[in-house]
């Protein structure tokens, strides 16, 4: 429990080359003061891991790969007041979960995370970008991604049609009323798989898919209403 709140962590993995890293990531999360850590193996590539705290840390081997929508579908089976959607290529260090919860408490945010963007350009890659390890104060953004935490009430929605490489955008778009912040913290490590060939943003087809989904959202919500961008700055 952190600041009087229970926390559940969902880690999804889907690629053979990421299996060992995903287990290491799960073990690192088990050292955080959270109540649940569930490793969701969508590819069936992980050698069934033994965790020191089996009641807290659970391995799920799914019979097929539902894609990046998996953790959103499983989220309501958890018990946490707060739910962390964690990537399989970021290792939390001691104090990381505490920083996220402290940041949420300080800002009143509905979502907090390690990266985020302010939607102030029609091209996704040209929007203002923030990274948790490069800032010294919370930055309000229009979406948080990669590894982020949201209040439980912002889960429990239909994932049908969710683009494979725009799941975090989809989630944030569902809840425009929820404020979103990147929280300053350097208590995490990016693994090499963050930037290798298994990373989705390195895949031109998936990158184009993300841009297309973002462009739709931008045209609908941000381009006609510039004051929304000003409020997010």
Protein backbone atom coordinates (compact mmCIF):
# COMPACT_ATOMS: atom_id res chain seq x y z
CA UNK A 1 0.00 0.00 0.00
CA UNK A 2 1.23 3.48 -0.88
CA UNK A 3 -0.21 6.62 0.71
CA UNK A 4 -3.21 4.61 1.86
CA UNK A 5 -3.97 3.23 -1.63
CA UNK A 6 -3.62 -0.30 -2.98
CA UNK A 7 -1.81 -0.72 -6.28
CA UNK A 8 -1.99 -3.44 -8.94
CA UNK A 9 0.57 -3.83 -11.74
CA UNK A 10 -0.10 -5.44 -15.12
CA UNK A 11 2.86 -6.34 -17.36
CA UNK A 12 2.16 -7.59 -20.86
CA UNK A 13 4.72 -9.38 -23.01
CA UNK A 14 4.31 -10.83 -26.47
CA UNK A 15 7.73 -11.35 -28.11
CA UNK A 16 10.15 -14.27 -27.80
CA UNK A 17 13.15 -11.91 -27.49
CA UNK A 18 11.49 -10.10 -24.56
CA UNK A 19 10.60 -13.13 -22.44
CA UNK A 20 13.62 -13.08 -20.10
CA UNK A 21 13.40 -9.32 -19.71
CA UNK A 22 9.70 -9.55 -18.88
CA UNK A 23 10.42 -11.96 -16.02
CA UNK A 24 13.15 -9.64 -14.70
CA UNK A 25 10.75 -6.69 -14.93
CA UNK A 26 8.09 -8.61 -13.00
CA UNK A 27 10.58 -9.54 -10.27
CA UNK A 28 11.58 -5.90 -9.94
CA UNK A 29 7.94 -4.87 -9.56
CA UNK A 30 7.54 -7.52 -6.85
CA UNK A 31 10.00 -5.48 -4.75
CA UNK A 32 7.77 -2.40 -4.92
CA UNK A 33 5.19 -1.81 -2.15
CA UNK A 34 2.28 -2.89 -4.37
CA UNK A 35 -0.36 -5.52 -3.72
CA UNK A 36 -0.46 -7.34 -7.07
CA UNK A 37 1.95 -7.94 -9.94
CA UNK A 38 0.52 -9.94 -12.84
CA UNK A 39 2.77 -10.95 -15.74
CA UNK A 40 0.53 -11.52 -18.77
CA UNK A 41 2.38 -13.69 -21.28
CA UNK A 42 0.55 -13.26 -24.58
CA UNK A 43 3.13 -15.16 -26.63
CA UNK A 44 3.69 -18.15 -24.36
CA UNK A 45 7.45 -17.57 -24.50
CA UNK A 46 8.26 -17.13 -20.81
CA UNK A 47 9.63 -20.12 -18.94
CA UNK A 48 7.18 -20.30 -16.07
CA UNK A 49 8.89 -18.14 -13.44
CA UNK A 50 9.01 -18.81 -9.72
CA UNK A 51 8.40 -15.69 -7.68
CA UNK A 52 9.47 -15.22 -4.07
CA UNK A 53 6.00 -13.89 -3.25
CA UNK A 54 3.61 -16.12 -5.26
CA UNK A 55 0.51 -14.66 -3.64
CA UNK A 56 1.53 -11.20 -4.81
CA UNK A 57 3.19 -12.00 -8.13
CA UNK A 58 1.28 -14.18 -10.56
CA UNK A 59 2.23 -15.52 -14.00
CA UNK A 60 -0.53 -15.75 -16.61
CA UNK A 61 0.05 -17.72 -19.81
CA UNK A 62 -2.68 -16.80 -22.24
CA UNK A 63 -3.84 -19.41 -24.78
CA UNK A 64 -3.59 -16.84 -27.60
CA UNK A 65 -2.36 -13.28 -28.11
CA UNK A 66 -5.15 -10.68 -27.72
CA UNK A 67 -2.63 -7.92 -28.47
CA UNK A 68 -1.97 -4.73 -26.58
CA UNK A 69 -5.57 -4.61 -25.34
CA UNK A 70 -4.81 -7.45 -22.91
CA UNK A 71 -4.06 -5.46 -19.77
CA UNK A 72 -7.15 -3.27 -20.20
CA UNK A 73 -9.33 -6.37 -20.44
CA UNK A 74 -7.75 -7.93 -17.36
CA UNK A 75 -7.63 -4.74 -15.30
CA UNK A 76 -11.00 -5.18 -13.61
CA UNK A 77 -9.94 -8.58 -12.28
CA UNK A 78 -7.38 -6.83 -10.09
CA UNK A 79 -8.12 -5.30 -6.69
CA UNK A 80 -6.00 -2.14 -6.72
CA UNK A 81 -7.30 1.36 -6.13
CA UNK A 82 -4.67 2.33 -8.70
CA UNK A 83 -3.62 0.27 -11.72
CA UNK A 84 -0.24 0.46 -13.43
CA UNK A 85 0.08 -0.60 -17.07
CA UNK A 86 3.77 -1.51 -17.22
CA UNK A 87 5.84 -2.24 -20.30
CA UNK A 88 8.08 -5.30 -20.40
CA UNK A 89 11.16 -3.19 -21.18
CA UNK A 90 11.26 -0.79 -18.20
CA UNK A 91 12.68 -1.95 -14.86
CA UNK A 92 11.41 -0.04 -11.81
CA UNK A 93 13.93 0.81 -9.12
CA UNK A 94 13.08 1.13 -5.45
CA UNK A 95 10.89 4.17 -4.90
CA UNK A 96 9.46 4.26 -8.42
CA UNK A 97 5.88 3.33 -7.50
CA UNK A 98 6.05 5.74 -4.57
CA UNK A 99 7.04 8.56 -6.93
CA UNK A 100 4.08 7.80 -9.20
CA UNK A 101 1.57 7.82 -6.35
CA UNK A 102 3.12 10.92 -4.78
CA UNK A 103 2.87 12.66 -8.16
CA UNK A 104 -0.75 11.69 -8.57
CA UNK A 105 -1.57 12.94 -5.09
CA UNK A 106 0.27 16.23 -5.65
CA UNK A 107 -1.37 16.98 -9.01
CA UNK A 108 -4.78 15.40 -8.53
CA UNK A 109 -4.20 13.62 -11.84
CA UNK A 110 -6.27 10.77 -13.19
CA UNK A 111 -3.27 9.44 -15.14
CA UNK A 112 0.48 9.75 -14.45
CA UNK A 113 3.36 8.24 -16.37
CA UNK A 114 6.97 8.28 -17.49
CA UNK A 115 6.36 9.85 -20.89
CA UNK A 116 3.71 12.12 -22.32
CA UNK A 117 2.90 14.54 -25.11
CA UNK A 118 1.05 17.80 -25.50
CA UNK A 119 -1.02 17.62 -28.67
CA UNK A 120 -0.01 20.87 -30.33
CA UNK A 121 0.85 19.65 -33.84
CA UNK A 122 -0.98 17.47 -36.38
CA UNK A 123 2.10 15.21 -36.64
CA UNK A 124 2.42 13.00 -33.58
CA UNK A 125 6.23 12.98 -33.55
CA UNK A 126 6.33 16.79 -33.65
CA UNK A 127 4.20 17.32 -30.56
CA UNK A 128 5.80 18.51 -27.33
CA UNK A 129 7.35 15.53 -25.53
CA UNK A 130 8.26 15.00 -21.88
CA UNK A 131 10.19 12.18 -20.22
CA UNK A 132 10.08 11.61 -16.45
CA UNK A 133 13.86 11.38 -16.07
CA UNK A 134 14.39 14.71 -17.88
CA UNK A 135 12.05 16.98 -15.90
CA UNK A 136 12.12 18.40 -12.38
CA UNK A 137 8.44 19.22 -11.96
CA UNK A 138 5.18 17.58 -13.12
CA UNK A 139 4.21 18.40 -16.70
CA UNK A 140 0.57 18.39 -17.76
CA UNK A 141 0.06 16.50 -21.01
CA UNK A 142 -2.70 15.14 -23.21
CA UNK A 143 -1.64 11.53 -22.84
CA UNK A 144 0.69 9.36 -20.77
CA UNK A 145 2.25 6.20 -22.07
CA UNK A 146 4.85 3.42 -21.95
CA UNK A 147 4.56 2.88 -18.19
CA UNK A 148 1.70 4.72 -16.58
CA UNK A 149 -0.77 4.56 -13.72
CA UNK A 150 -4.45 5.48 -13.66
CA UNK A 151 -7.18 5.49 -11.07
CA UNK A 152 -9.35 2.39 -11.13
CA UNK A 153 -12.42 4.29 -12.30
CA UNK A 154 -10.66 4.90 -15.62
CA UNK A 155 -10.73 1.21 -16.54
CA UNK A 156 -13.59 -1.04 -17.55
CA UNK A 157 -14.32 -0.08 -21.15
CA UNK A 158 -14.83 -1.93 -24.43
CA UNK A 159 -11.50 -2.56 -26.17
CA UNK A 160 -13.02 -3.74 -29.45
CA UNK A 161 -11.29 -1.98 -32.33
CA UNK A 162 -8.34 -0.77 -30.25
CA UNK A 163 -5.35 -0.26 -32.57
CA UNK A 164 -2.37 -2.44 -31.68
CA UNK A 165 0.03 0.49 -31.50
CA UNK A 166 -2.31 3.11 -30.07
CA UNK A 167 -3.69 1.46 -26.96
CA UNK A 168 -2.40 4.14 -24.58
CA UNK A 169 -3.80 6.87 -26.82
CA UNK A 170 -7.13 5.03 -26.93
CA UNK A 171 -7.21 4.81 -23.13
CA UNK A 172 -6.49 8.50 -22.60
CA UNK A 173 -8.95 9.52 -25.30
CA UNK A 174 -11.71 7.66 -23.49
CA UNK A 175 -11.37 10.01 -20.53
CA UNK A 176 -10.80 13.60 -21.67
CA UNK A 177 -11.99 14.89 -18.30
CA UNK A 178 -9.12 13.18 -16.47
CA UNK A 179 -5.98 15.30 -16.11
CA UNK A 180 -2.75 13.65 -17.18
CA UNK A 181 0.80 14.36 -15.97
CA UNK A 182 4.34 13.15 -16.53
CA UNK A 183 5.85 12.85 -13.07
CA UNK A 184 9.54 13.57 -12.46
CA UNK A 185 11.44 10.43 -11.44
CA UNK A 186 14.64 8.70 -12.45
CA UNK A 187 13.94 5.54 -10.49
CA UNK A 188 13.61 3.30 -13.52
CA UNK A 189 15.82 1.76 -16.19
CA UNK A 190 15.07 1.49 -19.89
CA UNK A 191 16.23 -1.86 -21.24
CA UNK A 192 17.84 -2.19 -24.70
CA UNK A 193 14.58 -3.62 -26.04
CA UNK A 194 13.07 -0.14 -25.67
CA UNK A 195 14.87 0.79 -28.87
CA UNK A 196 15.60 -2.45 -30.72
CA UNK A 197 13.70 -4.09 -33.56
CA UNK A 198 11.00 -5.42 -31.24
CA UNK A 199 9.91 -1.90 -30.25
CA UNK A 200 6.65 -0.98 -31.97
CA UNK A 201 7.68 2.57 -32.82
CA UNK A 202 10.51 1.12 -34.90
CA UNK A 203 7.99 -0.66 -37.14
CA UNK A 204 6.99 1.74 -39.97
CA UNK A 205 3.57 0.14 -40.43
CA UNK A 206 2.72 0.36 -36.73
CA UNK A 207 4.13 3.88 -36.49
CA UNK A 208 1.83 4.90 -39.34
CA UNK A 209 -1.08 3.28 -37.54
CA UNK A 210 -0.35 5.34 -34.44
CA UNK A 211 -0.09 8.54 -36.48
CA UNK A 212 -3.41 7.80 -38.19
CA UNK A 213 -5.19 7.25 -34.89
CA UNK A 214 -3.62 10.34 -33.36
CA UNK A 215 -4.53 12.48 -36.40
CA UNK A 216 -8.17 11.44 -36.02
CA UNK A 217 -8.17 12.43 -32.35
CA UNK A 218 -6.31 15.68 -33.07
CA UNK A 219 -8.77 16.76 -35.78
CA UNK A 220 -11.74 15.94 -33.57
CA UNK A 221 -10.67 17.39 -30.22
CA UNK A 222 -7.64 19.64 -30.49
CA UNK A 223 -7.45 21.37 -33.86
CA UNK A 224 -10.89 23.05 -33.52
CA UNK A 225 -10.30 23.95 -29.86
CA UNK A 226 -6.86 25.49 -29.33
CA UNK A 227 -7.77 26.49 -25.78
CA UNK A 228 -7.56 22.79 -24.88
CA UNK A 229 -3.92 22.77 -25.92
CA UNK A 230 -3.26 25.90 -23.87
CA UNK A 231 -4.84 24.30 -20.82
CA UNK A 232 -2.60 21.26 -21.23
CA UNK A 233 0.63 23.25 -21.47
